[in-house]
Amino acid sequence: MRDAESIETELIEISNIADDSIKLERLIVWCATHPDEVPFALHQLMNWGDKSTSKSVKPSGE
């Protein structure tokens, strides 16, 4: 497996593609090209979602 930074960089580049059909196409090609890195990539993507949704919100009374 390649280093995590290289994998993350490639996934970020794919995620920045505006057209969803091209994004899906590139993701499928990436997965087919690097099948041993797919579990790591899924783990990273799940963590990215946690970071963006776990913002702390103060109650309005404080």
N, C-alpha and C. Protein backbone atom coordinates (compact mmCIF):
# COMPACT_ATOMS: atom_id res chain seq x y z
N MET A 1 0.85 -1.17 0.00
CA MET A 1 0.00 0.00 0.00
C MET A 1 0.89 1.24 0.00
N ARG A 2 0.45 2.27 -0.72
CA ARG A 2 1.19 3.52 -0.77
C ARG A 2 0.97 4.30 0.52
N ASP A 3 1.69 5.41 0.66
CA ASP A 3 1.55 6.20 1.89
C ASP A 3 0.18 6.88 1.93
N ALA A 4 -0.28 7.14 3.14
CA ALA A 4 -1.62 7.69 3.35
C ALA A 4 -1.79 9.06 2.70
N GLU A 5 -0.76 9.86 2.70
CA GLU A 5 -0.86 11.20 2.14
C GLU A 5 -1.15 11.16 0.63
N SER A 6 -0.51 10.24 -0.07
CA SER A 6 -0.76 10.10 -1.51
C SER A 6 -2.19 9.67 -1.79
N ILE A 7 -2.67 8.74 -1.01
CA ILE A 7 -4.04 8.25 -1.17
C ILE A 7 -5.03 9.38 -0.90
N GLU A 8 -4.82 10.10 0.19
CA GLU A 8 -5.72 11.20 0.55
C GLU A 8 -5.72 12.28 -0.53
N THR A 9 -4.55 12.59 -1.06
CA THR A 9 -4.45 13.61 -2.11
C THR A 9 -5.27 13.20 -3.33
N GLU A 10 -5.16 11.95 -3.74
CA GLU A 10 -5.93 11.48 -4.89
C GLU A 10 -7.43 11.52 -4.62
N LEU A 11 -7.83 11.12 -3.41
CA LEU A 11 -9.26 11.13 -3.08
C LEU A 11 -9.80 12.55 -3.02
N ILE A 12 -9.02 13.48 -2.52
CA ILE A 12 -9.45 14.88 -2.47
C ILE A 12 -9.60 15.43 -3.87
N GLU A 13 -8.65 15.09 -4.75
CA GLU A 13 -8.76 15.55 -6.14
C GLU A 13 -10.03 15.02 -6.79
N ILE A 14 -10.35 13.76 -6.53
CA ILE A 14 -11.57 13.18 -7.09
C ILE A 14 -12.80 13.86 -6.48
N SER A 15 -12.78 14.11 -5.19
CA SER A 15 -13.95 14.72 -4.54
C SER A 15 -14.19 16.15 -4.99
N ASN A 16 -13.17 16.81 -5.51
CA ASN A 16 -13.33 18.19 -5.98
C ASN A 16 -13.89 18.30 -7.39
N ILE A 17 -14.14 17.19 -8.05
CA ILE A 17 -14.73 17.21 -9.39
C ILE A 17 -16.20 17.59 -9.26
N ALA A 18 -16.61 18.57 -10.04
CA ALA A 18 -17.97 19.10 -9.93
C ALA A 18 -19.03 18.16 -10.50
N ASP A 19 -18.76 17.54 -11.61
CA ASP A 19 -19.72 16.67 -12.29
C ASP A 19 -19.77 15.31 -11.59
N ASP A 20 -20.93 14.96 -11.02
CA ASP A 20 -21.06 13.72 -10.27
C ASP A 20 -20.81 12.47 -11.11
N SER A 21 -21.20 12.48 -12.37
CA SER A 21 -21.00 11.29 -13.19
C SER A 21 -19.51 11.08 -13.47
N ILE A 22 -18.77 12.17 -13.69
CA ILE A 22 -17.33 12.04 -13.89
C ILE A 22 -16.65 11.64 -12.58
N LYS A 23 -17.14 12.20 -11.47
CA LYS A 23 -16.59 11.85 -10.16
C LYS A 23 -16.76 10.35 -9.89
N LEU A 24 -17.94 9.82 -10.17
CA LEU A 24 -18.19 8.40 -9.97
C LEU A 24 -17.29 7.57 -10.87
N GLU A 25 -17.18 7.98 -12.12
CA GLU A 25 -16.33 7.27 -13.07
C GLU A 25 -14.87 7.22 -12.58
N ARG A 26 -14.36 8.35 -12.13
CA ARG A 26 -12.98 8.41 -11.64
C ARG A 26 -12.81 7.58 -10.37
N LEU A 27 -13.81 7.58 -9.51
CA LEU A 27 -13.74 6.79 -8.28
C LEU A 27 -13.73 5.29 -8.60
N ILE A 28 -14.52 4.87 -9.55
CA ILE A 28 -14.54 3.47 -9.96
C ILE A 28 -13.18 3.07 -10.54
N VAL A 29 -12.63 3.92 -11.38
CA VAL A 29 -11.30 3.64 -11.96
C VAL A 29 -10.25 3.58 -10.86
N TRP A 30 -10.33 4.52 -9.89
CA TRP A 30 -9.36 4.53 -8.79
C TRP A 30 -9.46 3.23 -7.99
N CYS A 31 -10.67 2.80 -7.70
CA CYS A 31 -10.87 1.56 -6.93
C CYS A 31 -10.35 0.34 -7.70
N ALA A 32 -10.58 0.32 -9.00
CA ALA A 32 -10.11 -0.80 -9.82
C ALA A 32 -8.59 -0.81 -9.93
N THR A 33 -7.99 0.38 -9.91
CA THR A 33 -6.54 0.49 -10.03
C THR A 33 -5.83 0.18 -8.71
N HIS A 34 -6.47 0.51 -7.59
CA HIS A 34 -5.85 0.33 -6.28
C HIS A 34 -6.76 -0.48 -5.35
N PRO A 35 -7.09 -1.72 -5.69
CA PRO A 35 -8.05 -2.48 -4.88
C PRO A 35 -7.59 -2.73 -3.45
N ASP A 36 -6.29 -2.81 -3.23
CA ASP A 36 -5.81 -3.06 -1.87
C ASP A 36 -5.92 -1.82 -0.98
N GLU A 37 -6.17 -0.65 -1.57
CA GLU A 37 -6.27 0.59 -0.80
C GLU A 37 -7.72 1.01 -0.55
N VAL A 38 -8.67 0.29 -1.10
CA VAL A 38 -10.09 0.65 -0.95
C VAL A 38 -10.52 0.62 0.52
N PRO A 39 -10.19 -0.39 1.32
CA PRO A 39 -10.61 -0.36 2.74
C PRO A 39 -10.05 0.86 3.48
N PHE A 40 -8.80 1.20 3.22
CA PHE A 40 -8.20 2.39 3.85
C PHE A 40 -8.96 3.64 3.40
N ALA A 41 -9.25 3.74 2.12
CA ALA A 41 -9.94 4.91 1.58
C ALA A 41 -11.33 5.05 2.20
N LEU A 42 -12.05 3.95 2.33
CA LEU A 42 -13.38 4.00 2.95
C LEU A 42 -13.29 4.46 4.39
N HIS A 43 -12.30 3.97 5.11
CA HIS A 43 -12.10 4.39 6.50
C HIS A 43 -11.83 5.89 6.56
N GLN A 44 -10.98 6.39 5.68
CA GLN A 44 -10.66 7.82 5.64
C GLN A 44 -11.91 8.64 5.31
N LEU A 45 -12.69 8.19 4.34
CA LEU A 45 -13.88 8.93 3.95
C LEU A 45 -14.90 8.98 5.09
N MET A 46 -15.03 7.88 5.84
CA MET A 46 -15.95 7.88 6.97
C MET A 46 -15.48 8.86 8.04
N ASN A 47 -14.18 8.96 8.25
CA ASN A 47 -13.65 9.91 9.22
C ASN A 47 -13.86 11.34 8.77
N TRP A 48 -13.75 11.61 7.47
CA TRP A 48 -13.98 12.97 6.96
C TRP A 48 -15.41 13.40 7.26
N GLY A 49 -16.35 12.50 7.10
CA GLY A 49 -17.75 12.81 7.39
C GLY A 49 -17.97 13.11 8.85
N ASP A 50 -17.30 12.38 9.74
CA ASP A 50 -17.41 12.62 11.17
C ASP A 50 -16.89 14.00 11.54
N LYS A 51 -15.80 14.43 10.94
CA LYS A 51 -15.21 15.72 11.25
C LYS A 51 -16.12 16.86 10.84
N SER A 52 -16.80 16.72 9.71
CA SER A 52 -17.64 17.82 9.22
C SER A 52 -18.98 17.89 9.96
N THR A 53 -19.45 16.79 10.54
CA THR A 53 -20.74 16.80 11.22
C THR A 53 -20.62 16.89 12.72
N SER A 54 -19.41 16.85 13.25
CA SER A 54 -19.26 16.85 14.70
C SER A 54 -18.90 18.23 15.24
N LYS A 55 -19.35 19.27 14.58
CA LYS A 55 -19.12 20.62 15.08
C LYS A 55 -19.93 20.82 16.33
N SER A 56 -19.30 21.40 17.35
CA SER A 56 -20.03 21.61 18.59
C SER A 56 -20.92 22.85 18.45
N VAL A 57 -22.15 22.71 18.90
CA VAL A 57 -23.12 23.78 18.84
C VAL A 57 -23.50 24.13 20.26
N LYS A 58 -23.33 25.41 20.62
CA LYS A 58 -23.71 25.85 21.97
C LYS A 58 -25.21 26.06 22.04
N PRO A 59 -25.81 25.65 23.13
CA PRO A 59 -27.24 25.94 23.32
C PRO A 59 -27.46 27.44 23.33
N SER A 60 -28.63 27.90 22.91
CA SER A 60 -28.89 29.33 22.76
C SER A 60 -28.93 30.09 24.07
N GLY A 61 -28.95 29.45 25.20
CA GLY A 61 -29.02 30.13 26.49
C GLY A 61 -27.65 30.47 27.08
N GLU A 62 -26.58 30.04 26.44
CA GLU A 62 -25.25 30.24 27.03
C GLU A 62 -24.48 31.32 26.38
